[in-house]
Amino acid sequence: MAQLLGEAEIKQQLSNLSGWTKEGMSLQCNRKFKDFVQAIEFVNKLVEPAESAGHHPDIEISYNKVKIILTTHDAGGLTQKDFDLAKVISQIS
């Protein structure tokens, strides 16, 4: 099981991520697109990196808005896996 990160580690790593916030025991990012089709195209781009990492985000879609939520469920909070995947997701447009 992945090891939980401490608050200092979380703050340090979060400072290197643009557009992500810590909400409780998760990282969250909101993206807005022109329309539903573009939102779904973005979500589809998340499949390969999530599968490769063996770490899957929770995703909420509302027409042209996508909310990505990362947490390591089996560890009960934030681990390095969350920040690694957040970095990859941040590079996807």
C-alpha atoms as a PDB file:
ATOM      1  CA  MET A   1       0.000   0.000   0.000  1.00  0.00           C
ATOM      2  CA  ALA A   2       1.182   3.529  -0.787  1.00  0.00           C
ATOM      3  CA  GLN A   3       2.270   5.665   2.165  1.00  0.00           C
ATOM      4  CA  LEU A   4       0.239   8.731   3.143  1.00  0.00           C
ATOM      5  CA  LEU A   5       1.979  12.062   2.731  1.00  0.00           C
ATOM      6  CA  GLY A   6       2.264  14.519   5.617  1.00  0.00           C
ATOM      7  CA  GLU A   7       0.844  18.044   5.464  1.00  0.00           C
ATOM      8  CA  ALA A   8       4.246  19.617   4.764  1.00  0.00           C
ATOM      9  CA  GLU A   9       4.853  17.221   1.858  1.00  0.00           C
ATOM     10  CA  ILE A  10       1.360  17.877   0.497  1.00  0.00           C
ATOM     11  CA  LYS A  11       1.808  21.675   0.635  1.00  0.00           C
ATOM     12  CA  GLN A  12       5.208  21.459  -1.045  1.00  0.00           C
ATOM     13  CA  GLN A  13       3.962  19.242  -3.876  1.00  0.00           C
ATOM     14  CA  LEU A  14       0.763  21.259  -4.303  1.00  0.00           C
ATOM     15  CA  SER A  15       2.840  24.416  -4.818  1.00  0.00           C
ATOM     16  CA  ASN A  16       4.209  22.794  -7.998  1.00  0.00           C
ATOM     17  CA  LEU A  17       0.748  22.022  -9.432  1.00  0.00           C
ATOM     18  CA  SER A  18      -1.197  24.735 -11.198  1.00  0.00           C
ATOM     19  CA  GLY A  19      -4.980  24.483 -11.088  1.00  0.00           C
ATOM     20  CA  TRP A  20      -5.176  21.837  -8.342  1.00  0.00           C
ATOM     21  CA  THR A  21      -6.479  22.323  -4.816  1.00  0.00           C
ATOM     22  CA  LYS A  22      -6.543  20.151  -1.730  1.00  0.00           C
ATOM     23  CA  GLU A  23     -10.088  19.422  -0.614  1.00  0.00           C
ATOM     24  CA  GLY A  24     -10.176  17.270   2.507  1.00  0.00           C
ATOM     25  CA  MET A  25      -8.165  14.164   1.719  1.00  0.00           C
ATOM     26  CA  SER A  26      -8.153  14.655  -2.063  1.00  0.00           C
ATOM     27  CA  LEU A  27      -6.709  16.734  -4.877  1.00  0.00           C
ATOM     28  CA  GLN A  28      -9.226  18.399  -7.166  1.00  0.00           C
ATOM     29  CA  CYS A  29      -9.022  20.107 -10.519  1.00  0.00           C
ATOM     30  CA  ASN A  30     -11.840  21.710 -12.503  1.00  0.00           C
ATOM     31  CA  ARG A  31     -11.693  22.128 -16.265  1.00  0.00           C
ATOM     32  CA  LYS A  32     -14.158  23.932 -18.517  1.00  0.00           C
ATOM     33  CA  PHE A  33     -14.523  23.250 -22.229  1.00  0.00           C
ATOM     34  CA  LYS A  34     -16.405  24.723 -25.174  1.00  0.00           C
ATOM     35  CA  ASP A  35     -19.039  21.979 -25.117  1.00  0.00           C
ATOM     36  CA  PHE A  36     -19.899  18.439 -24.010  1.00  0.00           C
ATOM     37  CA  VAL A  37     -17.996  16.803 -26.870  1.00  0.00           C
ATOM     38  CA  GLN A  38     -14.738  18.521 -25.914  1.00  0.00           C
ATOM     39  CA  ALA A  39     -15.264  17.619 -22.260  1.00  0.00           C
ATOM     40  CA  ILE A  40     -15.692  13.946 -23.156  1.00  0.00           C
ATOM     41  CA  GLU A  41     -12.678  14.034 -25.488  1.00  0.00           C
ATOM     42  CA  PHE A  42     -10.612  15.303 -22.543  1.00  0.00           C
ATOM     43  CA  VAL A  43     -11.919  12.574 -20.226  1.00  0.00           C
ATOM     44  CA  ASN A  44     -11.058   9.942 -22.834  1.00  0.00           C
ATOM     45  CA  LYS A  45      -7.450  11.210 -22.812  1.00  0.00           C
ATOM     46  CA  LEU A  46      -7.263  10.335 -19.103  1.00  0.00           C
ATOM     47  CA  VAL A  47      -7.852   6.620 -19.666  1.00  0.00           C
ATOM     48  CA  GLU A  48      -4.360   5.604 -20.833  1.00  0.00           C
ATOM     49  CA  PRO A  49      -2.357   7.450 -18.157  1.00  0.00           C
ATOM     50  CA  ALA A  50      -4.695   6.258 -15.404  1.00  0.00           C
ATOM     51  CA  GLU A  51      -4.497   2.656 -16.602  1.00  0.00           C
ATOM     52  CA  SER A  52      -0.705   2.848 -16.950  1.00  0.00           C
ATOM     53  CA  ALA A  53      -0.402   4.199 -13.406  1.00  0.00           C
ATOM     54  CA  GLY A  54      -2.921   1.710 -12.015  1.00  0.00           C
ATOM     55  CA  HIS A  55      -4.472   4.730 -10.321  1.00  0.00           C
ATOM     56  CA  HIS A  56      -7.896   5.966 -11.365  1.00  0.00           C
ATOM     57  CA  PRO A  57      -9.402   9.399 -10.711  1.00  0.00           C
ATOM     58  CA  ASP A  58     -12.969  10.037  -9.716  1.00  0.00           C
ATOM     59  CA  ILE A  59     -14.495  12.113 -12.506  1.00  0.00           C
ATOM     60  CA  GLU A  60     -17.627  14.258 -12.525  1.00  0.00           C
ATOM     61  CA  ILE A  61     -18.954  15.578 -15.834  1.00  0.00           C
ATOM     62  CA  SER A  62     -21.573  18.300 -16.132  1.00  0.00           C
ATOM     63  CA  TYR A  63     -22.046  19.300 -19.782  1.00  0.00           C
ATOM     64  CA  ASN A  64     -18.822  21.248 -20.498  1.00  0.00           C
ATOM     65  CA  LYS A  65     -17.299  21.006 -17.013  1.00  0.00           C
ATOM     66  CA  VAL A  66     -15.077  18.200 -15.754  1.00  0.00           C
ATOM     67  CA  LYS A  67     -14.035  17.767 -12.127  1.00  0.00           C
ATOM     68  CA  ILE A  68     -11.142  15.421 -11.451  1.00  0.00           C
ATOM     69  CA  ILE A  69     -10.689  14.084  -7.934  1.00  0.00           C
ATOM     70  CA  LEU A  70      -7.595  12.165  -6.879  1.00  0.00           C
ATOM     71  CA  THR A  71      -7.106  10.275  -3.651  1.00  0.00           C
ATOM     72  CA  THR A  72      -5.582   6.931  -2.792  1.00  0.00           C
ATOM     73  CA  HIS A  73      -8.635   5.158  -1.437  1.00  0.00           C
ATOM     74  CA  ASP A  74      -6.839   2.125   0.003  1.00  0.00           C
ATOM     75  CA  ALA A  75      -4.405   4.398   1.890  1.00  0.00           C
ATOM     76  CA  GLY A  76      -7.161   6.717   3.115  1.00  0.00           C
ATOM     77  CA  GLY A  77      -5.756   9.959   1.727  1.00  0.00           C
ATOM     78  CA  LEU A  78      -3.088  11.554  -0.429  1.00  0.00           C
ATOM     79  CA  THR A  79      -0.015   9.651  -1.563  1.00  0.00           C
ATOM     80  CA  GLN A  80       2.709  10.211  -4.136  1.00  0.00           C
ATOM     81  CA  LYS A  81       0.525   8.357  -6.652  1.00  0.00           C
ATOM     82  CA  ASP A  82      -1.998  11.210  -6.550  1.00  0.00           C
ATOM     83  CA  PHE A  83       0.580  13.892  -7.233  1.00  0.00           C
ATOM     84  CA  ASP A  84       2.254  11.864  -9.979  1.00  0.00           C
ATOM     85  CA  LEU A  85      -1.053  11.401 -11.810  1.00  0.00           C
ATOM     86  CA  ALA A  86      -2.039  15.047 -11.235  1.00  0.00           C
ATOM     87  CA  LYS A  87       1.184  16.122 -12.971  1.00  0.00           C
ATOM     88  CA  VAL A  88       0.373  13.933 -15.972  1.00  0.00           C
ATOM     89  CA  ILE A  89      -3.233  15.173 -16.115  1.00  0.00           C
ATOM     90  CA  SER A  90      -2.037  18.785 -15.951  1.00  0.00           C
ATOM     91  CA  GLN A  91      -0.170  18.267 -19.218  1.00  0.00           C
ATOM     92  CA  ILE A  92      -3.265  16.986 -21.050  1.00  0.00           C
ATOM     93  CA  SER A  93      -5.295  19.580 -22.916  1.00  0.00           C
END
